[in-house]
């Protein structure tokens, strides 16, 4: 049962990430899954630091809204 729930949650996390707009998904994956710094993300994506922070904030909010129903 626990293994099933973990697998199901992992699928929902992956699904939630794929539904993010590409420019949000890129910064989200780089930060949350790959552990890159904001500065590294700015360099990789070619956008300024403020844009990285803004996109990451929006990506996190969108991700949280999608995944929240599956956490209870």
N, C-alpha and C. Protein backbone atom coordinates (compact mmCIF):
# COMPACT_ATOMS: atom_id res chain seq x y z
N UNK A 1 0.82 -1.20 0.00
CA UNK A 1 0.00 0.00 0.00
C UNK A 1 0.86 1.26 0.00
N UNK A 2 1.88 1.27 0.86
CA UNK A 2 2.77 2.43 0.94
C UNK A 2 3.56 2.61 -0.36
N UNK A 3 4.01 1.51 -0.92
CA UNK A 3 4.74 1.56 -2.19
C UNK A 3 3.84 2.08 -3.30
N UNK A 4 2.60 1.64 -3.32
CA UNK A 4 1.65 2.12 -4.31
C UNK A 4 1.45 3.62 -4.20
N UNK A 5 1.26 4.11 -2.96
CA UNK A 5 1.07 5.55 -2.75
C UNK A 5 2.28 6.35 -3.20
N UNK A 6 3.48 5.85 -2.91
CA UNK A 6 4.70 6.55 -3.32
C UNK A 6 4.80 6.59 -4.84
N UNK A 7 4.50 5.47 -5.48
CA UNK A 7 4.55 5.42 -6.93
C UNK A 7 3.53 6.37 -7.55
N UNK A 8 2.33 6.36 -6.98
CA UNK A 8 1.26 7.23 -7.47
C UNK A 8 1.65 8.70 -7.30
N UNK A 9 2.20 9.05 -6.15
CA UNK A 9 2.62 10.43 -5.92
C UNK A 9 3.74 10.83 -6.87
N UNK A 10 4.69 9.93 -7.11
CA UNK A 10 5.77 10.22 -8.05
C UNK A 10 5.21 10.50 -9.44
N UNK A 11 4.24 9.73 -9.87
CA UNK A 11 3.61 9.95 -11.17
C UNK A 11 2.93 11.32 -11.21
N UNK A 12 2.26 11.67 -10.13
CA UNK A 12 1.56 12.96 -10.08
C UNK A 12 2.56 14.13 -10.06
N UNK A 13 3.69 13.96 -9.39
CA UNK A 13 4.73 14.99 -9.39
C UNK A 13 5.26 15.18 -10.81
N UNK A 14 5.58 14.09 -11.47
CA UNK A 14 6.08 14.17 -12.84
C UNK A 14 5.06 14.82 -13.76
N UNK A 15 3.80 14.45 -13.58
CA UNK A 15 2.73 15.03 -14.39
C UNK A 15 2.61 16.53 -14.13
N UNK A 16 2.67 16.93 -12.87
CA UNK A 16 2.56 18.35 -12.52
C UNK A 16 3.71 19.15 -13.14
N UNK A 17 4.90 18.58 -13.13
CA UNK A 17 6.05 19.26 -13.72
C UNK A 17 5.87 19.41 -15.24
N UNK A 18 5.36 18.37 -15.90
CA UNK A 18 5.18 18.46 -17.35
C UNK A 18 4.12 19.48 -17.75
N UNK A 19 3.21 19.79 -16.85
CA UNK A 19 2.17 20.77 -17.16
C UNK A 19 2.62 22.22 -16.97
N UNK A 20 3.78 22.43 -16.39
CA UNK A 20 4.29 23.79 -16.25
C UNK A 20 4.65 24.34 -17.62
N UNK A 21 4.45 25.64 -17.85
CA UNK A 21 4.93 26.22 -19.10
C UNK A 21 6.45 25.99 -19.21
N UNK A 22 6.93 25.84 -20.41
CA UNK A 22 8.34 25.48 -20.61
C UNK A 22 9.31 26.39 -19.86
N UNK A 23 9.11 27.71 -19.93
CA UNK A 23 10.05 28.62 -19.28
C UNK A 23 10.00 28.49 -17.75
N UNK A 24 8.88 28.05 -17.21
CA UNK A 24 8.79 27.78 -15.77
C UNK A 24 9.37 26.40 -15.45
N UNK A 25 9.06 25.43 -16.30
CA UNK A 25 9.55 24.06 -16.08
C UNK A 25 11.07 24.01 -16.06
N UNK A 26 11.71 24.73 -16.95
CA UNK A 26 13.17 24.71 -17.03
C UNK A 26 13.79 25.19 -15.72
N UNK A 27 13.35 26.34 -15.21
CA UNK A 27 13.95 26.85 -13.98
C UNK A 27 13.58 25.97 -12.79
N UNK A 28 12.38 25.42 -12.78
CA UNK A 28 11.94 24.54 -11.70
C UNK A 28 12.81 23.28 -11.64
N UNK A 29 13.00 22.65 -12.77
CA UNK A 29 13.82 21.43 -12.83
C UNK A 29 15.26 21.74 -12.45
N UNK A 30 15.81 22.82 -12.98
CA UNK A 30 17.20 23.16 -12.67
C UNK A 30 17.40 23.40 -11.18
N UNK A 31 16.44 24.06 -10.54
CA UNK A 31 16.58 24.39 -9.12
C UNK A 31 16.18 23.23 -8.21
N UNK A 32 14.97 22.72 -8.40
CA UNK A 32 14.41 21.76 -7.46
C UNK A 32 14.91 20.33 -7.68
N UNK A 33 15.20 19.97 -8.90
CA UNK A 33 15.63 18.60 -9.17
C UNK A 33 17.14 18.47 -9.36
N UNK A 34 17.75 19.50 -9.92
CA UNK A 34 19.19 19.44 -10.16
C UNK A 34 20.01 20.25 -9.15
N UNK A 35 19.34 21.05 -8.33
CA UNK A 35 20.02 21.78 -7.26
C UNK A 35 20.91 22.93 -7.71
N UNK A 36 20.65 23.47 -8.87
CA UNK A 36 21.44 24.60 -9.37
C UNK A 36 21.13 25.87 -8.57
N UNK A 37 22.10 26.75 -8.49
CA UNK A 37 21.89 28.03 -7.83
C UNK A 37 21.13 28.96 -8.78
N UNK A 38 20.58 30.03 -8.22
CA UNK A 38 19.90 31.02 -9.05
C UNK A 38 20.85 31.57 -10.11
N UNK A 39 22.07 31.83 -9.70
CA UNK A 39 23.06 32.38 -10.63
C UNK A 39 23.37 31.40 -11.75
N UNK A 40 23.49 30.12 -11.41
CA UNK A 40 23.74 29.11 -12.44
C UNK A 40 22.57 29.01 -13.41
N UNK A 41 21.37 29.09 -12.88
CA UNK A 41 20.18 29.02 -13.73
C UNK A 41 20.13 30.21 -14.68
N UNK A 42 20.46 31.40 -14.15
CA UNK A 42 20.48 32.60 -15.00
C UNK A 42 21.49 32.43 -16.13
N UNK A 43 22.64 31.88 -15.82
CA UNK A 43 23.67 31.67 -16.84
C UNK A 43 23.22 30.63 -17.86
N UNK A 44 22.65 29.54 -17.39
CA UNK A 44 22.20 28.45 -18.28
C UNK A 44 21.10 28.92 -19.21
N UNK A 45 20.14 29.66 -18.66
CA UNK A 45 18.97 30.07 -19.45
C UNK A 45 19.18 31.37 -20.22
N UNK A 46 20.18 32.14 -19.81
CA UNK A 46 20.44 33.40 -20.49
C UNK A 46 19.49 34.51 -20.12
N UNK A 47 18.84 34.38 -18.96
CA UNK A 47 17.96 35.46 -18.48
C UNK A 47 18.52 36.02 -17.19
N UNK A 48 18.08 37.22 -16.84
CA UNK A 48 18.64 37.85 -15.64
C UNK A 48 18.13 37.19 -14.37
N UNK A 49 18.80 37.46 -13.29
CA UNK A 49 18.53 36.84 -12.00
C UNK A 49 17.10 37.10 -11.52
N UNK A 50 16.63 38.32 -11.69
CA UNK A 50 15.27 38.65 -11.28
C UNK A 50 14.23 37.83 -12.03
N UNK A 51 14.46 37.60 -13.31
CA UNK A 51 13.55 36.78 -14.11
C UNK A 51 13.56 35.34 -13.63
N UNK A 52 14.73 34.83 -13.30
CA UNK A 52 14.84 33.47 -12.77
C UNK A 52 14.02 33.35 -11.49
N UNK A 53 14.16 34.28 -10.59
CA UNK A 53 13.44 34.24 -9.31
C UNK A 53 11.94 34.32 -9.53
N UNK A 54 11.52 35.19 -10.43
CA UNK A 54 10.10 35.36 -10.73
C UNK A 54 9.52 34.08 -11.34
N UNK A 55 10.21 33.53 -12.30
CA UNK A 55 9.74 32.30 -12.94
C UNK A 55 9.69 31.14 -11.96
N UNK A 56 10.69 31.06 -11.10
CA UNK A 56 10.73 29.97 -10.13
C UNK A 56 9.57 30.11 -9.13
N UNK A 57 9.31 31.34 -8.70
CA UNK A 57 8.20 31.58 -7.78
C UNK A 57 6.88 31.13 -8.41
N UNK A 58 6.66 31.52 -9.65
CA UNK A 58 5.41 31.16 -10.33
C UNK A 58 5.34 29.65 -10.57
N UNK A 59 6.47 29.06 -10.92
CA UNK A 59 6.50 27.61 -11.14
C UNK A 59 6.18 26.85 -9.86
N UNK A 60 6.75 27.29 -8.76
CA UNK A 60 6.50 26.63 -7.47
C UNK A 60 5.03 26.75 -7.08
N UNK A 61 4.45 27.92 -7.28
CA UNK A 61 3.03 28.11 -6.95
C UNK A 61 2.14 27.22 -7.80
N UNK A 62 2.41 27.17 -9.08
CA UNK A 62 1.63 26.35 -9.99
C UNK A 62 1.79 24.87 -9.66
N UNK A 63 3.01 24.46 -9.39
CA UNK A 63 3.28 23.07 -9.01
C UNK A 63 2.52 22.72 -7.73
N UNK A 64 2.59 23.59 -6.74
CA UNK A 64 1.93 23.33 -5.46
C UNK A 64 0.42 23.19 -5.63
N UNK A 65 -0.18 24.02 -6.46
CA UNK A 65 -1.61 23.94 -6.69
C UNK A 65 -2.00 22.61 -7.34
N UNK A 66 -1.16 22.14 -8.26
CA UNK A 66 -1.46 20.88 -8.94
C UNK A 66 -1.26 19.67 -8.05
N UNK A 67 -0.26 19.70 -7.17
CA UNK A 67 0.10 18.53 -6.40
C UNK A 67 -0.65 18.44 -5.06
N UNK A 68 -1.13 19.56 -4.56
CA UNK A 68 -1.76 19.62 -3.23
C UNK A 68 -2.89 18.61 -3.05
N UNK A 69 -3.79 18.42 -4.03
CA UNK A 69 -4.88 17.46 -3.82
C UNK A 69 -4.41 16.02 -3.57
N UNK A 70 -3.22 15.70 -4.00
CA UNK A 70 -2.73 14.33 -3.87
C UNK A 70 -1.93 14.10 -2.59
N UNK A 71 -1.76 15.13 -1.81
CA UNK A 71 -0.96 15.00 -0.59
C UNK A 71 -1.78 14.61 0.63
N UNK A 72 -3.07 14.67 0.53
CA UNK A 72 -3.93 14.34 1.67
C UNK A 72 -4.59 12.99 1.51
